[in-house]
C-alpha atoms as a PDB file:
ATOM      1  CA  PHE A   1      -8.781   1.829 -12.244  1.00  0.00           C
ATOM      2  CA  ILE A   2     -10.693   2.120  -8.963  1.00  0.00           C
ATOM      3  CA  GLN A   3     -14.083   1.486 -10.567  1.00  0.00           C
ATOM      4  CA  LYS A   4     -12.852  -1.689 -12.215  1.00  0.00           C
ATOM      5  CA  GLU A   5     -10.426  -3.077  -9.618  1.00  0.00           C
ATOM      6  CA  TYR A   6     -11.966  -2.043  -6.290  1.00  0.00           C
ATOM      7  CA  PRO A   7     -14.289  -5.079  -5.975  1.00  0.00           C
ATOM      8  CA  ASP A   8     -11.380  -7.493  -6.479  1.00  0.00           C
ATOM      9  CA  LEU A   9      -9.103  -5.543  -4.133  1.00  0.00           C
ATOM     10  CA  LYS A  10     -11.716  -5.692  -1.366  1.00  0.00           C
ATOM     11  CA  THR A  11     -12.497  -9.357  -2.000  1.00  0.00           C
ATOM     12  CA  LEU A  12      -8.825 -10.289  -1.775  1.00  0.00           C
ATOM     13  CA  ASN A  13      -8.117  -7.916   1.129  1.00  0.00           C
ATOM     14  CA  PRO A  14     -11.326  -7.564   3.152  1.00  0.00           C
ATOM     15  CA  ALA A  15      -9.625  -6.045   6.212  1.00  0.00           C
ATOM     16  CA  LEU A  16      -7.566  -3.528   4.206  1.00  0.00           C
ATOM     17  CA  PRO A  17      -9.010  -0.006   4.384  1.00  0.00           C
ATOM     18  CA  ILE A  18      -9.018   1.631   0.956  1.00  0.00           C
ATOM     19  CA  TYR A  19      -9.785   5.330   0.844  1.00  0.00           C
ATOM     20  CA  VAL A  20     -10.740   7.154  -2.347  1.00  0.00           C
ATOM     21  CA  ARG A  21     -10.814  10.910  -2.109  1.00  0.00           C
ATOM     22  CA  PRO A  22     -11.848  12.645  -5.320  1.00  0.00           C
ATOM     23  CA  SER A  23     -10.453  16.130  -5.729  1.00  0.00           C
ATOM     24  CA  GLU A  24     -10.208  18.552  -8.614  1.00  0.00           C
ATOM     25  CA  ASN A  25      -6.716  19.383  -9.838  1.00  0.00           C
ATOM     26  CA  ALA A  26      -5.079  16.806  -7.568  1.00  0.00           C
ATOM     27  CA  SER A  27      -2.537  14.320  -8.846  1.00  0.00           C
ATOM     28  CA  PRO A  28      -3.562  10.709  -8.214  1.00  0.00           C
ATOM     29  CA  PHE A  29      -1.363   8.570  -5.993  1.00  0.00           C
ATOM     30  CA  ILE A  30      -1.185   5.451  -3.857  1.00  0.00           C
ATOM     31  CA  ALA A  31       0.014   5.898  -0.293  1.00  0.00           C
ATOM     32  CA  VAL A  32       0.744   3.031   2.050  1.00  0.00           C
ATOM     33  CA  ARG A  33       1.378   3.430   5.735  1.00  0.00           C
ATOM     34  CA  TYR A  34       2.893   0.563   7.642  1.00  0.00           C
ATOM     35  CA  ASP A  35       3.086   0.268  11.415  1.00  0.00           C
ATOM     36  CA  ARG A  36       5.828   2.204  13.196  1.00  0.00           C
ATOM     37  CA  GLY A  37       5.667   5.165  10.834  1.00  0.00           C
ATOM     38  CA  VAL A  38       6.952   3.601   7.618  1.00  0.00           C
ATOM     39  CA  TYR A  39       5.220   5.422   4.746  1.00  0.00           C
ATOM     40  CA  GLN A  40       5.480   5.016   0.978  1.00  0.00           C
ATOM     41  CA  LYS A  41       3.809   7.161  -1.680  1.00  0.00           C
ATOM     42  CA  ARG A  42       3.706   6.477  -5.430  1.00  0.00           C
ATOM     43  CA  SER A  43       2.264   8.705  -8.116  1.00  0.00           C
ATOM     44  CA  THR A  44      -0.230   7.058 -10.466  1.00  0.00           C
ATOM     45  CA  ALA A  45      -0.581  10.021 -12.828  1.00  0.00           C
ATOM     46  CA  ASP A  46      -0.534   8.883 -16.443  1.00  0.00           C
ATOM     47  CA  LEU A  47      -0.125   5.206 -15.500  1.00  0.00           C
ATOM     48  CA  SER A  48      -2.063   2.410 -17.171  1.00  0.00           C
ATOM     49  CA  PRO A  49      -4.150   0.037 -15.019  1.00  0.00           C
ATOM     50  CA  ALA A  50      -1.412  -2.586 -15.431  1.00  0.00           C
ATOM     51  CA  GLN A  51       1.218  -0.142 -14.160  1.00  0.00           C
ATOM     52  CA  ILE A  52      -0.962   0.776 -11.169  1.00  0.00           C
ATOM     53  CA  SER A  53      -1.356  -2.922 -10.369  1.00  0.00           C
ATOM     54  CA  THR A  54       2.423  -3.311 -10.544  1.00  0.00           C
ATOM     55  CA  SER A  55       2.846  -0.434  -8.079  1.00  0.00           C
ATOM     56  CA  LEU A  56       0.386  -2.089  -5.696  1.00  0.00           C
ATOM     57  CA  LYS A  57       2.268  -5.378  -5.940  1.00  0.00           C
ATOM     58  CA  GLU A  58       5.593  -3.651  -5.294  1.00  0.00           C
ATOM     59  CA  LEU A  59       4.176  -1.947  -2.208  1.00  0.00           C
ATOM     60  CA  SER A  60       2.835  -5.279  -0.992  1.00  0.00           C
ATOM     61  CA  GLU A  61       6.244  -6.901  -1.509  1.00  0.00           C
ATOM     62  CA  LEU A  62       7.853  -4.007   0.337  1.00  0.00           C
ATOM     63  CA  SER A  63       5.668  -4.923   3.309  1.00  0.00           C
ATOM     64  CA  SER A  64       7.257  -8.379   3.339  1.00  0.00           C
ATOM     65  CA  GLN A  65      10.747  -6.872   3.171  1.00  0.00           C
ATOM     66  CA  ILE A  66       9.985  -4.485   6.021  1.00  0.00           C
ATOM     67  CA  THR A  67       8.581  -7.349   8.077  1.00  0.00           C
ATOM     68  CA  ALA A  68      11.678  -9.472   7.409  1.00  0.00           C
ATOM     69  CA  SER A  69      13.957  -6.581   8.332  1.00  0.00           C
ATOM     70  CA  GLN A  70      11.954  -5.938  11.475  1.00  0.00           C
ATOM     71  CA  SER A  71      12.120  -9.627  12.451  1.00  0.00           C
ATOM     72  CA  GLN A  72      15.871  -9.223  12.781  1.00  0.00           C
ATOM     73  CA  LYS A  73      15.306  -6.215  15.049  1.00  0.00           C
ATOM     74  CA  GLU A  74      12.776  -8.149  17.152  1.00  0.00           C
ATOM     75  CA  ALA A  75      15.574 -10.372  18.369  1.00  0.00           C
ATOM     76  CA  SER A  76      16.993  -7.264  20.017  1.00  0.00           C
ATOM     77  CA  GLY A  77      13.650  -6.034  21.405  1.00  0.00           C
ATOM     78  CA  GLY A  78      11.879  -4.297  18.448  1.00  0.00           C
ATOM     79  CA  GLY A  79       8.306  -4.841  17.207  1.00  0.00           C
ATOM     80  CA  ALA A  80       6.903  -6.214  13.932  1.00  0.00           C
ATOM     81  CA  PHE A  81       5.708  -4.185  10.947  1.00  0.00           C
ATOM     82  CA  LYS A  82       2.287  -4.779   9.410  1.00  0.00           C
ATOM     83  CA  PRO A  83       0.669  -2.909   6.516  1.00  0.00           C
ATOM     84  CA  ALA A  84      -1.752  -0.337   7.885  1.00  0.00           C
ATOM     85  CA  TYR A  85      -3.664   0.797   4.779  1.00  0.00           C
ATOM     86  CA  ILE A  86      -3.531   1.903   1.168  1.00  0.00           C
ATOM     87  CA  VAL A  87      -4.832   5.356   0.311  1.00  0.00           C
END
């Protein structure tokens, strides 16, 4: 997935850090950390490229939901959420 999709991911998201850490006997996963400590992790073991893309889209949509939720808190003095990176 990474070999095929990485160029498009970087083209569409040039400021988004993407880290790839190869390791023997490790289960593959996507981890997203948003500002203010919000963290999501999804396993990609045994998923097709289409399923991995779906997971990425869901995590991106979650960013919008977190931002919307935080906007309500901002009215009472909180800060905004922004996606930090995908691992």
